[in-house]
Amino acid sequence: MSALVLVEHDNQSLKSATLNTVTAALACSPEVDLLVIGYVAEGVAQAAAKIVGVRKVIHIDADFLSNQLAEPVAAQILWLAPSYDYILAPATSHGKNVLPRVAAKLDVAQISDITKVISADTFERPIYAGNAIATVQSSDAKKLITVRTTGFDAVAATGGTASIEQKTAVADLGKSSFVGRDLTKSDRPELTAAKIIVSGGRGLGSSEKYHELIDPLADQLGAALGASRAAVDAGYVPNDYQVGQTGKIVAPQLYIAIGISGAIQHLAGMKDSKVIVAINKDPEAPIFGVADYGLVADLFTAIPELTALLKS
């Protein structure tokens, strides 16, 4: 049995989600290959070859693959699929965009968001916003799997000696075209890869207060910025700040939740964090149920004091 992992990248650098997905793939099979699909992405292929536990890297490079649209990317995977028993991708926007199409074309059931590999055909995945864990067994000849990266430790990014195999791309059928992309640029760490995250909720009251209180604290900690769905819906911050079931799933070393009540939707996205600190004036807030450290206080007083202490 062998496994193929779709590498997450931006044509320049390899995304850390791939390292967690390789761990899941190695739990399925000792023979793991990586697939790099893109344009002028030689650097990504070379970085992928250094990942520990990888047998080889398949590199497919073509200009029509530069934006990694689901249709042409799926076509490349389908061409390689007969050689593999498992095909895995991170449960990110890209992985969720591509793999269901591949599963449909292969007429197999996709196994989504796994957090544990029990055996060759049995996996665990969260359901009901993480309040229950389902054990799923698949009898399909090929297993199409998306991996919740917070459920698996990352393999070492260096130390491997995999070979790189260049392959010619399957022709683009022209079923989709790239129109444009709006990117949010920030000097802060990427939310899904950050070791420290400071998140604000509806309790902050406004976008102005969010940035007045949360930004300086995050600056002192070198942290990424996050938010609850309520804060995003209220317009305090953009959608890409959202942590939760319908936002981003994170598991940093330290997660600081400020003015966040702790709705199930939010907890589903951050409860795997190593250390959770909650600051809320309501002692009955559900967030305290998952917090390692809790402070019942007025955040408008506590946050400036905390920031000042960090500066001193």
C-alpha atoms as a PDB file:
ATOM      1  CA  MET A   1       0.000   0.000   0.000  1.00  0.00           C
ATOM      2  CA  SER A   2       1.205   3.521  -0.752  1.00  0.00           C
ATOM      3  CA  ALA A   3      -0.031   7.046  -0.073  1.00  0.00           C
ATOM      4  CA  LEU A   4       0.048  10.261  -2.083  1.00  0.00           C
ATOM      5  CA  VAL A   5      -0.090  13.651  -0.329  1.00  0.00           C
ATOM      6  CA  LEU A   6      -1.104  16.826  -2.155  1.00  0.00           C
ATOM      7  CA  VAL A   7       1.408  19.494  -1.137  1.00  0.00           C
ATOM      8  CA  GLU A   8      -0.005  22.842  -0.022  1.00  0.00           C
ATOM      9  CA  HIS A   9       2.069  25.750  -1.359  1.00  0.00           C
ATOM     10  CA  ASP A  10       1.992  29.151  -3.077  1.00  0.00           C
ATOM     11  CA  ASN A  11       4.536  28.295  -5.819  1.00  0.00           C
ATOM     12  CA  GLN A  12       7.258  29.768  -3.617  1.00  0.00           C
ATOM     13  CA  SER A  13       7.123  28.119  -0.210  1.00  0.00           C
ATOM     14  CA  LEU A  14       5.683  24.955   1.259  1.00  0.00           C
ATOM     15  CA  LYS A  15       2.852  25.412   3.780  1.00  0.00           C
ATOM     16  CA  SER A  16       3.240  23.839   7.203  1.00  0.00           C
ATOM     17  CA  ALA A  17      -0.093  21.995   6.854  1.00  0.00           C
ATOM     18  CA  THR A  18       1.695  19.557   4.553  1.00  0.00           C
ATOM     19  CA  LEU A  19       3.960  18.404   7.396  1.00  0.00           C
ATOM     20  CA  ASN A  20       0.985  17.405   9.553  1.00  0.00           C
ATOM     21  CA  THR A  21      -0.645  15.650   6.610  1.00  0.00           C
ATOM     22  CA  VAL A  22       2.511  13.601   6.004  1.00  0.00           C
ATOM     23  CA  THR A  23       2.263  12.354   9.609  1.00  0.00           C
ATOM     24  CA  ALA A  24      -1.275  11.130   8.905  1.00  0.00           C
ATOM     25  CA  ALA A  25      -0.144   9.547   5.632  1.00  0.00           C
ATOM     26  CA  LEU A  26       2.681   7.663   7.376  1.00  0.00           C
ATOM     27  CA  ALA A  27       0.112   6.259   9.812  1.00  0.00           C
ATOM     28  CA  CYS A  28      -1.740   4.863   6.782  1.00  0.00           C
ATOM     29  CA  SER A  29       1.261   3.569   4.835  1.00  0.00           C
ATOM     30  CA  PRO A  30       5.063   3.497   5.216  1.00  0.00           C
ATOM     31  CA  GLU A  31       5.391   4.469   1.541  1.00  0.00           C
ATOM     32  CA  VAL A  32       4.480   8.144   1.173  1.00  0.00           C
ATOM     33  CA  ASP A  33       4.958  10.243  -1.956  1.00  0.00           C
ATOM     34  CA  LEU A  34       4.321  13.968  -2.261  1.00  0.00           C
ATOM     35  CA  LEU A  35       2.688  15.701  -5.207  1.00  0.00           C
ATOM     36  CA  VAL A  36       3.716  19.270  -6.029  1.00  0.00           C
ATOM     37  CA  ILE A  37       1.429  20.871  -8.623  1.00  0.00           C
ATOM     38  CA  GLY A  38       2.097  24.439  -9.682  1.00  0.00           C
ATOM     39  CA  TYR A  39       4.141  26.711 -11.899  1.00  0.00           C
ATOM     40  CA  VAL A  40       7.843  27.523 -11.448  1.00  0.00           C
ATOM     41  CA  ALA A  41       7.646  25.708  -8.120  1.00  0.00           C
ATOM     42  CA  GLU A  42      11.030  23.980  -8.170  1.00  0.00           C
ATOM     43  CA  GLY A  43      11.869  25.442  -4.773  1.00  0.00           C
ATOM     44  CA  VAL A  44       8.739  23.872  -3.292  1.00  0.00           C
ATOM     45  CA  ALA A  45       9.656  20.464  -4.754  1.00  0.00           C
ATOM     46  CA  GLN A  46      13.164  20.720  -3.303  1.00  0.00           C
ATOM     47  CA  ALA A  47      11.784  21.645   0.119  1.00  0.00           C
ATOM     48  CA  ALA A  48       9.316  18.757  -0.076  1.00  0.00           C
ATOM     49  CA  ALA A  49      12.141  16.324  -0.826  1.00  0.00           C
ATOM     50  CA  LYS A  50      13.745  17.188   2.522  1.00  0.00           C
ATOM     51  CA  ILE A  51      10.683  16.187   4.562  1.00  0.00           C
ATOM     52  CA  VAL A  52      11.399  13.163   6.747  1.00  0.00           C
ATOM     53  CA  GLY A  53       9.575   9.950   5.808  1.00  0.00           C
ATOM     54  CA  VAL A  54       8.913  10.813   2.167  1.00  0.00           C
ATOM     55  CA  ARG A  55       9.843   8.284  -0.523  1.00  0.00           C
ATOM     56  CA  LYS A  56       9.704  10.574  -3.550  1.00  0.00           C
ATOM     57  CA  VAL A  57       8.306  13.889  -4.762  1.00  0.00           C
ATOM     58  CA  ILE A  58       6.308  14.052  -7.982  1.00  0.00           C
ATOM     59  CA  HIS A  59       6.581  17.503  -9.514  1.00  0.00           C
ATOM     60  CA  ILE A  60       4.111  18.633 -12.187  1.00  0.00           C
ATOM     61  CA  ASP A  61       4.804  22.110 -13.514  1.00  0.00           C
ATOM     62  CA  ALA A  62       2.769  24.048 -16.080  1.00  0.00           C
ATOM     63  CA  ASP A  63       1.650  27.639 -16.494  1.00  0.00           C
ATOM     64  CA  PHE A  64      -2.073  26.758 -16.374  1.00  0.00           C
ATOM     65  CA  LEU A  65      -1.470  25.220 -12.933  1.00  0.00           C
ATOM     66  CA  SER A  66      -0.109  28.423 -11.412  1.00  0.00           C
ATOM     67  CA  ASN A  67      -3.386  29.236  -9.638  1.00  0.00           C
ATOM     68  CA  GLN A  68      -4.070  25.591  -8.697  1.00  0.00           C
ATOM     69  CA  LEU A  69      -7.723  25.562  -9.711  1.00  0.00           C
ATOM     70  CA  ALA A  70      -9.635  22.480  -8.616  1.00  0.00           C
ATOM     71  CA  GLU A  71     -10.386  21.116 -12.092  1.00  0.00           C
ATOM     72  CA  PRO A  72      -6.843  20.948 -13.546  1.00  0.00           C
ATOM     73  CA  VAL A  73      -5.322  19.921 -10.193  1.00  0.00           C
ATOM     74  CA  ALA A  74      -7.861  17.099  -9.831  1.00  0.00           C
ATOM     75  CA  ALA A  75      -7.013  15.938 -13.354  1.00  0.00           C
ATOM     76  CA  GLN A  76      -3.348  15.518 -12.377  1.00  0.00           C
ATOM     77  CA  ILE A  77      -4.283  13.529  -9.271  1.00  0.00           C
ATOM     78  CA  LEU A  78      -6.685  11.297 -11.214  1.00  0.00           C
ATOM     79  CA  TRP A  79      -3.898  10.468 -13.662  1.00  0.00           C
ATOM     80  CA  LEU A  80      -1.682   9.289 -10.784  1.00  0.00           C
ATOM     81  CA  ALA A  81      -4.450   7.705  -8.678  1.00  0.00           C
ATOM     82  CA  PRO A  82      -4.133   4.100 -10.011  1.00  0.00           C
ATOM     83  CA  SER A  83      -0.726   3.801  -8.310  1.00  0.00           C
ATOM     84  CA  TYR A  84      -1.962   4.716  -4.818  1.00  0.00           C
ATOM     85  CA  ASP A  85      -4.207   3.270  -2.118  1.00  0.00           C
ATOM     86  CA  TYR A  86      -4.472   6.529  -0.167  1.00  0.00           C
ATOM     87  CA  ILE A  87      -4.701  10.097  -1.428  1.00  0.00           C
ATOM     88  CA  LEU A  88      -4.532  12.759   1.261  1.00  0.00           C
ATOM     89  CA  ALA A  89      -4.680  16.542   1.469  1.00  0.00           C
ATOM     90  CA  PRO A  90      -4.832  19.009   4.353  1.00  0.00           C
ATOM     91  CA  ALA A  91      -8.368  19.999   5.336  1.00  0.00           C
ATOM     92  CA  THR A  92      -7.701  23.569   4.206  1.00  0.00           C
ATOM     93  CA  SER A  93      -9.613  25.618   1.660  1.00  0.00           C
ATOM     94  CA  HIS A  94      -7.428  24.180  -1.100  1.00  0.00           C
ATOM     95  CA  GLY A  95      -7.701  20.573   0.037  1.00  0.00           C
ATOM     96  CA  LYS A  96     -11.462  20.872   0.499  1.00  0.00           C
ATOM     97  CA  ASN A  97     -11.712  22.380  -2.972  1.00  0.00           C
ATOM     98  CA  VAL A  98      -9.767  19.676  -4.807  1.00  0.00           C
ATOM     99  CA  LEU A  99     -10.227  16.323  -3.096  1.00  0.00           C
ATOM    100  CA  PRO A 100     -14.052  16.035  -3.246  1.00  0.00           C
ATOM    101  CA  ARG A 101     -13.812  16.358  -7.028  1.00  0.00           C
ATOM    102  CA  VAL A 102     -11.226  13.583  -7.160  1.00  0.00           C
ATOM    103  CA  ALA A 103     -13.361  11.373  -4.908  1.00  0.00           C
ATOM    104  CA  ALA A 104     -16.424  11.922  -7.095  1.00  0.00           C
ATOM    105  CA  LYS A 105     -14.486  11.096 -10.255  1.00  0.00           C
ATOM    106  CA  LEU A 106     -13.183   7.896  -8.643  1.00  0.00           C
ATOM    107  CA  ASP A 107     -16.673   7.077  -7.316  1.00  0.00           C
ATOM    108  CA  VAL A 108     -15.476   6.644  -3.744  1.00  0.00           C
ATOM    109  CA  ALA A 109     -16.604   8.244  -0.485  1.00  0.00           C
ATOM    110  CA  GLN A 110     -14.313  10.942   0.827  1.00  0.00           C
ATOM    111  CA  ILE A 111     -13.295  10.686   4.485  1.00  0.00           C
ATOM    112  CA  SER A 112     -13.160  14.270   5.729  1.00  0.00           C
ATOM    113  CA  ASP A 113     -11.330  15.997   8.554  1.00  0.00           C
ATOM    114  CA  ILE A 114      -9.714  12.966  10.173  1.00  0.00           C
ATOM    115  CA  THR A 115      -7.959  13.469  13.501  1.00  0.00           C
ATOM    116  CA  LYS A 116      -6.669   9.921  14.034  1.00  0.00           C
ATOM    117  CA  VAL A 117      -5.732   6.835  12.013  1.00  0.00           C
ATOM    118  CA  ILE A 118      -6.873   3.730  13.897  1.00  0.00           C
ATOM    119  CA  SER A 119      -6.038   1.145  11.224  1.00  0.00           C
ATOM    120  CA  ALA A 120      -5.622   0.823   7.470  1.00  0.00           C
ATOM    121  CA  ASP A 121      -9.346   1.355   6.880  1.00  0.00           C
ATOM    122  CA  THR A 122     -10.591   2.998  10.084  1.00  0.00           C
ATOM    123  CA  PHE A 123     -10.328   6.642  11.111  1.00  0.00           C
ATOM    124  CA  GLU A 124     -11.644   9.123  13.644  1.00  0.00           C
ATOM    125  CA  ARG A 125     -13.199  12.459  12.736  1.00  0.00           C
ATOM    126  CA  PRO A 126     -15.051  15.094  14.780  1.00  0.00           C
ATOM    127  CA  ILE A 127     -18.765  15.690  14.265  1.00  0.00           C
ATOM    128  CA  TYR A 128     -21.324  18.056  15.841  1.00  0.00           C
ATOM    129  CA  ALA A 129     -18.749  20.866  16.051  1.00  0.00           C
ATOM    130  CA  GLY A 130     -16.298  18.563  17.782  1.00  0.00           C
ATOM    131  CA  ASN A 131     -18.681  17.519  20.552  1.00  0.00           C
ATOM    132  CA  ALA A 132     -18.557  13.913  19.371  1.00  0.00           C
ATOM    133  CA  ILE A 133     -15.965  11.780  17.620  1.00  0.00           C
ATOM    134  CA  ALA A 134     -17.120   9.430  14.856  1.00  0.00           C
ATOM    135  CA  THR A 135     -15.204   6.255  14.034  1.00  0.00           C
ATOM    136  CA  VAL A 136     -15.417   5.749  10.275  1.00  0.00           C
ATOM    137  CA  GLN A 137     -14.520   2.545   8.442  1.00  0.00           C
ATOM    138  CA  SER A 138     -14.152   2.554   4.664  1.00  0.00           C
ATOM    139  CA  SER A 139     -14.313  -0.476   2.387  1.00  0.00           C
ATOM    140  CA  ASP A 140     -13.392   1.542  -0.723  1.00  0.00           C
ATOM    141  CA  ALA A 141     -10.341   0.324  -2.598  1.00  0.00           C
ATOM    142  CA  LYS A 142      -8.931   3.850  -2.515  1.00  0.00           C
ATOM    143  CA  LYS A 143      -9.167   6.098   0.511  1.00  0.00           C
ATOM    144  CA  LEU A 144      -9.577   9.822  -0.229  1.00  0.00           C
ATOM    145  CA  ILE A 145      -8.816  11.679   2.994  1.00  0.00           C
ATOM    146  CA  THR A 146      -8.636  15.262   4.168  1.00  0.00           C
ATOM    147  CA  VAL A 147      -6.636  15.743   7.354  1.00  0.00           C
ATOM    148  CA  ARG A 148      -7.428  18.125  10.199  1.00  0.00           C
ATOM    149  CA  THR A 149      -3.868  19.231  10.757  1.00  0.00           C
ATOM    150  CA  THR A 150      -4.382  20.099  14.420  1.00  0.00           C
ATOM    151  CA  GLY A 151      -4.894  16.390  15.108  1.00  0.00           C
ATOM    152  CA  PHE A 152      -1.388  15.367  14.000  1.00  0.00           C
ATOM    153  CA  ASP A 153       2.080  16.538  14.980  1.00  0.00           C
ATOM    154  CA  ALA A 154       4.216  17.839  12.131  1.00  0.00           C
ATOM    155  CA  VAL A 155       7.044  15.688  10.785  1.00  0.00           C
ATOM    156  CA  ALA A 156      10.511  17.201  10.548  1.00  0.00           C
ATOM    157  CA  ALA A 157      10.823  19.544   7.569  1.00  0.00           C
ATOM    158  CA  THR A 158      14.492  18.678   7.049  1.00  0.00           C
ATOM    159  CA  GLY A 159      16.532  15.495   7.137  1.00  0.00           C
ATOM    160  CA  GLY A 160      14.796  13.577   4.353  1.00  0.00           C
ATOM    161  CA  THR A 161      16.431  12.510   1.092  1.00  0.00           C
ATOM    162  CA  ALA A 162      13.512  11.879  -1.259  1.00  0.00           C
ATOM    163  CA  SER A 163      14.027  11.832  -5.000  1.00  0.00           C
ATOM    164  CA  ILE A 164      12.228  14.303  -7.278  1.00  0.00           C
ATOM    165  CA  GLU A 165      10.421  12.946 -10.328  1.00  0.00           C
ATOM    166  CA  GLN A 166       9.290  15.385 -13.014  1.00  0.00           C
ATOM    167  CA  LYS A 167       6.075  14.535 -14.864  1.00  0.00           C
ATOM    168  CA  THR A 168       4.313  16.221 -17.770  1.00  0.00           C
ATOM    169  CA  ALA A 169       0.982  17.775 -16.897  1.00  0.00           C
ATOM    170  CA  VAL A 170      -2.296  16.369 -18.128  1.00  0.00           C
ATOM    171  CA  ALA A 171      -3.764  18.870 -20.586  1.00  0.00           C
ATOM    172  CA  ASP A 172      -6.094  21.549 -19.272  1.00  0.00           C
ATOM    173  CA  LEU A 173      -9.681  20.915 -20.390  1.00  0.00           C
ATOM    174  CA  GLY A 174     -10.583  24.570 -19.921  1.00  0.00           C
ATOM    175  CA  LYS A 175     -13.467  23.893 -17.537  1.00  0.00           C
ATOM    176  CA  SER A 176     -12.543  26.788 -15.296  1.00  0.00           C
ATOM    177  CA  SER A 177     -10.560  29.995 -15.536  1.00  0.00           C
ATOM    178  CA  PHE A 178      -8.843  32.225 -12.995  1.00  0.00           C
ATOM    179  CA  VAL A 179     -10.487  35.637 -12.604  1.00  0.00           C
ATOM    180  CA  GLY A 180      -8.691  37.242  -9.674  1.00  0.00           C
ATOM    181  CA  ARG A 181      -7.566  36.962  -6.084  1.00  0.00           C
ATOM    182  CA  ASP A 182      -7.845  39.435  -3.209  1.00  0.00           C
ATOM    183  CA  LEU A 183      -5.088  38.829  -0.680  1.00  0.00           C
ATOM    184  CA  THR A 184      -4.778  40.282   2.791  1.00  0.00           C
ATOM    185  CA  LYS A 185      -1.132  41.077   3.465  1.00  0.00           C
ATOM    186  CA  SER A 186       0.207  41.277   6.993  1.00  0.00           C
ATOM    187  CA  ASP A 187       3.555  41.305   8.749  1.00  0.00           C
ATOM    188  CA  ARG A 188       2.040  39.105  11.454  1.00  0.00           C
ATOM    189  CA  PRO A 189       2.286  35.296  11.469  1.00  0.00           C
ATOM    190  CA  GLU A 190      -0.251  33.368   9.397  1.00  0.00           C
ATOM    191  CA  LEU A 191      -3.224  32.497  11.585  1.00  0.00           C
ATOM    192  CA  THR A 192      -3.232  28.742  10.936  1.00  0.00           C
ATOM    193  CA  ALA A 193       0.536  28.429  11.481  1.00  0.00           C
ATOM    194  CA  ALA A 194       1.050  30.861  14.384  1.00  0.00           C
ATOM    195  CA  LYS A 195       2.402  29.635  17.721  1.00  0.00           C
ATOM    196  CA  ILE A 196       0.555  32.390  19.592  1.00  0.00           C
ATOM    197  CA  ILE A 197      -2.881  33.783  18.719  1.00  0.00           C
ATOM    198  CA  VAL A 198      -4.734  36.656  20.356  1.00  0.00           C
ATOM    199  CA  SER A 199      -8.443  36.602  19.522  1.00  0.00           C
ATOM    200  CA  GLY A 200     -11.107  39.180  20.229  1.00  0.00           C
ATOM    201  CA  GLY A 201     -14.853  38.778  20.474  1.00  0.00           C
ATOM    202  CA  ARG A 202     -18.046  40.783  20.475  1.00  0.00           C
ATOM    203  CA  GLY A 203     -17.262  41.950  24.017  1.00  0.00           C
ATOM    204  CA  LEU A 204     -14.792  44.458  22.558  1.00  0.00           C
ATOM    205  CA  GLY A 205     -17.726  46.491  21.274  1.00  0.00           C
ATOM    206  CA  SER A 206     -16.293  47.921  18.067  1.00  0.00           C
ATOM    207  CA  SER A 207     -13.608  47.635  15.404  1.00  0.00           C
ATOM    208  CA  GLU A 208     -11.814  50.618  16.939  1.00  0.00           C
ATOM    209  CA  LYS A 209     -11.621  48.973  20.354  1.00  0.00           C
ATOM    210  CA  TYR A 210     -10.512  45.678  18.787  1.00  0.00           C
ATOM    211  CA  HIS A 211      -7.488  47.296  17.195  1.00  0.00           C
ATOM    212  CA  GLU A 212      -6.837  49.630  20.129  1.00  0.00           C
ATOM    213  CA  LEU A 213      -6.645  46.746  22.624  1.00  0.00           C
ATOM    214  CA  ILE A 214      -5.783  43.591  20.678  1.00  0.00           C
ATOM    215  CA  ASP A 215      -3.145  44.891  18.253  1.00  0.00           C
ATOM    216  CA  PRO A 216      -0.666  46.163  20.891  1.00  0.00           C
ATOM    217  CA  LEU A 217      -0.958  42.938  22.899  1.00  0.00           C
ATOM    218  CA  ALA A 218      -0.376  40.831  19.786  1.00  0.00           C
ATOM    219  CA  ASP A 219       2.605  43.013  18.887  1.00  0.00           C
ATOM    220  CA  GLN A 220       4.208  42.370  22.267  1.00  0.00           C
ATOM    221  CA  LEU A 221       3.715  38.606  21.919  1.00  0.00           C
ATOM    222  CA  GLY A 222       4.561  38.316  18.218  1.00  0.00           C
ATOM    223  CA  ALA A 223       1.119  36.794  17.808  1.00  0.00           C
ATOM    224  CA  ALA A 224      -1.390  36.378  15.004  1.00  0.00           C
ATOM    225  CA  LEU A 225      -4.772  38.066  15.248  1.00  0.00           C
ATOM    226  CA  GLY A 226      -7.993  36.076  15.462  1.00  0.00           C
ATOM    227  CA  ALA A 227     -11.649  36.725  16.153  1.00  0.00           C
ATOM    228  CA  SER A 228     -14.916  35.021  16.947  1.00  0.00           C
ATOM    229  CA  ARG A 229     -17.658  34.744  14.363  1.00  0.00           C
ATOM    230  CA  ALA A 230     -19.693  37.318  16.279  1.00  0.00           C
ATOM    231  CA  ALA A 231     -16.868  39.853  15.975  1.00  0.00           C
ATOM    232  CA  VAL A 232     -16.497  39.147  12.263  1.00  0.00           C
ATOM    233  CA  ASP A 233     -20.254  39.364  11.646  1.00  0.00           C
ATOM    234  CA  ALA A 234     -20.301  42.679  13.501  1.00  0.00           C
ATOM    235  CA  GLY A 235     -17.662  44.018  11.126  1.00  0.00           C
ATOM    236  CA  TYR A 236     -14.858  44.443  13.661  1.00  0.00           C
ATOM    237  CA  VAL A 237     -12.356  42.555  11.476  1.00  0.00           C
ATOM    238  CA  PRO A 238     -12.277  40.784   8.066  1.00  0.00           C
ATOM    239  CA  ASN A 239     -13.486  37.213   7.519  1.00  0.00           C
ATOM    240  CA  ASP A 240      -9.963  35.796   7.353  1.00  0.00           C
ATOM    241  CA  TYR A 241      -9.548  36.524  11.089  1.00  0.00           C
ATOM    242  CA  GLN A 242     -12.355  34.137  12.023  1.00  0.00           C
ATOM    243  CA  VAL A 243     -11.533  31.135  14.195  1.00  0.00           C
ATOM    244  CA  GLY A 244     -14.192  28.458  14.477  1.00  0.00           C
ATOM    245  CA  GLN A 245     -16.155  25.746  12.755  1.00  0.00           C
ATOM    246  CA  THR A 246     -16.960  28.003   9.797  1.00  0.00           C
ATOM    247  CA  GLY A 247     -13.615  29.802  10.026  1.00  0.00           C
ATOM    248  CA  LYS A 248     -10.102  28.510  10.598  1.00  0.00           C
ATOM    249  CA  ILE A 249      -9.141  25.568  12.786  1.00  0.00           C
ATOM    250  CA  VAL A 250      -6.092  26.417  14.898  1.00  0.00           C
ATOM    251  CA  ALA A 251      -4.000  24.754  17.591  1.00  0.00           C
ATOM    252  CA  PRO A 252      -1.264  27.172  18.670  1.00  0.00           C
ATOM    253  CA  GLN A 253       0.970  26.828  21.706  1.00  0.00           C
ATOM    254  CA  LEU A 254      -0.919  29.730  23.311  1.00  0.00           C
ATOM    255  CA  TYR A 255      -4.443  30.970  22.530  1.00  0.00           C
ATOM    256  CA  ILE A 256      -5.702  34.098  24.291  1.00  0.00           C
ATOM    257  CA  ALA A 257      -9.454  34.649  24.029  1.00  0.00           C
ATOM    258  CA  ILE A 258     -10.540  38.182  24.939  1.00  0.00           C
ATOM    259  CA  GLY A 259     -14.201  39.106  25.227  1.00  0.00           C
ATOM    260  CA  ILE A 260     -15.212  35.769  23.672  1.00  0.00           C
ATOM    261  CA  SER A 261     -18.107  33.962  25.361  1.00  0.00           C
ATOM    262  CA  GLY A 262     -17.179  30.552  23.972  1.00  0.00           C
ATOM    263  CA  ALA A 263     -19.975  29.469  21.649  1.00  0.00           C
ATOM    264  CA  ILE A 264     -19.687  25.907  20.337  1.00  0.00           C
ATOM    265  CA  GLN A 265     -18.897  27.257  16.867  1.00  0.00           C
ATOM    266  CA  HIS A 266     -15.795  29.039  18.198  1.00  0.00           C
ATOM    267  CA  LEU A 267     -14.647  26.273  20.545  1.00  0.00           C
ATOM    268  CA  ALA A 268     -14.628  23.826  17.627  1.00  0.00           C
ATOM    269  CA  GLY A 269     -11.879  25.885  16.015  1.00  0.00           C
ATOM    270  CA  MET A 270      -9.488  26.386  18.948  1.00  0.00           C
ATOM    271  CA  LYS A 271     -10.033  23.882  21.741  1.00  0.00           C
ATOM    272  CA  ASP A 272      -7.005  21.802  20.658  1.00  0.00           C
ATOM    273  CA  SER A 273      -4.687  24.713  21.536  1.00  0.00           C
ATOM    274  CA  LYS A 274      -1.941  23.687  23.964  1.00  0.00           C
ATOM    275  CA  VAL A 275      -2.656  26.481  26.470  1.00  0.00           C
ATOM    276  CA  ILE A 276      -5.870  28.533  26.471  1.00  0.00           C
ATOM    277  CA  VAL A 277      -6.193  31.800  28.365  1.00  0.00           C
ATOM    278  CA  ALA A 278      -9.628  33.409  28.644  1.00  0.00           C
ATOM    279  CA  ILE A 279     -10.418  36.965  29.760  1.00  0.00           C
ATOM    280  CA  ASN A 280     -14.103  37.746  30.198  1.00  0.00           C
ATOM    281  CA  LYS A 281     -16.195  39.698  32.681  1.00  0.00           C
ATOM    282  CA  ASP A 282     -18.851  36.941  32.834  1.00  0.00           C
ATOM    283  CA  PRO A 283     -17.751  34.180  35.242  1.00  0.00           C
ATOM    284  CA  GLU A 284     -20.336  31.840  33.666  1.00  0.00           C
ATOM    285  CA  ALA A 285     -18.986  32.230  30.109  1.00  0.00           C
ATOM    286  CA  PRO A 286     -18.558  28.805  28.433  1.00  0.00           C
ATOM    287  CA  ILE A 287     -15.006  29.738  27.353  1.00  0.00           C
ATOM    288  CA  PHE A 288     -13.855  29.136  30.926  1.00  0.00           C
ATOM    289  CA  GLY A 289     -14.879  25.495  30.549  1.00  0.00           C
ATOM    290  CA  VAL A 290     -12.006  24.863  28.118  1.00  0.00           C
ATOM    291  CA  ALA A 291      -9.532  27.451  29.404  1.00  0.00           C
ATOM    292  CA  ASP A 292      -6.371  26.457  31.244  1.00  0.00           C
ATOM    293  CA  TYR A 293      -6.229  29.924  32.785  1.00  0.00           C
ATOM    294  CA  GLY A 294      -9.162  32.265  33.238  1.00  0.00           C
ATOM    295  CA  LEU A 295      -9.401  35.875  34.345  1.00  0.00           C
ATOM    296  CA  VAL A 296     -12.777  37.326  35.268  1.00  0.00           C
ATOM    297  CA  ALA A 297     -12.221  41.027  34.665  1.00  0.00           C
ATOM    298  CA  ASP A 298     -13.223  44.061  32.656  1.00  0.00           C
ATOM    299  CA  LEU A 299     -11.170  43.606  29.478  1.00  0.00           C
ATOM    300  CA  PHE A 300     -10.984  47.368  28.909  1.00  0.00           C
ATOM    301  CA  THR A 301      -8.915  47.582  32.087  1.00  0.00           C
ATOM    302  CA  ALA A 302      -7.174  44.209  32.073  1.00  0.00           C
ATOM    303  CA  ILE A 303      -5.786  44.267  28.520  1.00  0.00           C
ATOM    304  CA  PRO A 304      -3.985  47.633  28.743  1.00  0.00           C
ATOM    305  CA  GLU A 305      -2.520  46.519  32.093  1.00  0.00           C
ATOM    306  CA  LEU A 306      -1.363  43.210  30.613  1.00  0.00           C
ATOM    307  CA  THR A 307       0.167  44.959  27.592  1.00  0.00           C
ATOM    308  CA  ALA A 308       1.960  47.443  29.846  1.00  0.00           C
ATOM    309  CA  LEU A 309       3.404  44.605  31.948  1.00  0.00           C
ATOM    310  CA  LEU A 310       4.720  42.881  28.840  1.00  0.00           C
ATOM    311  CA  LYS A 311       6.410  46.103  27.724  1.00  0.00           C
ATOM    312  CA  SER A 312       8.159  46.609  31.060  1.00  0.00           C
END
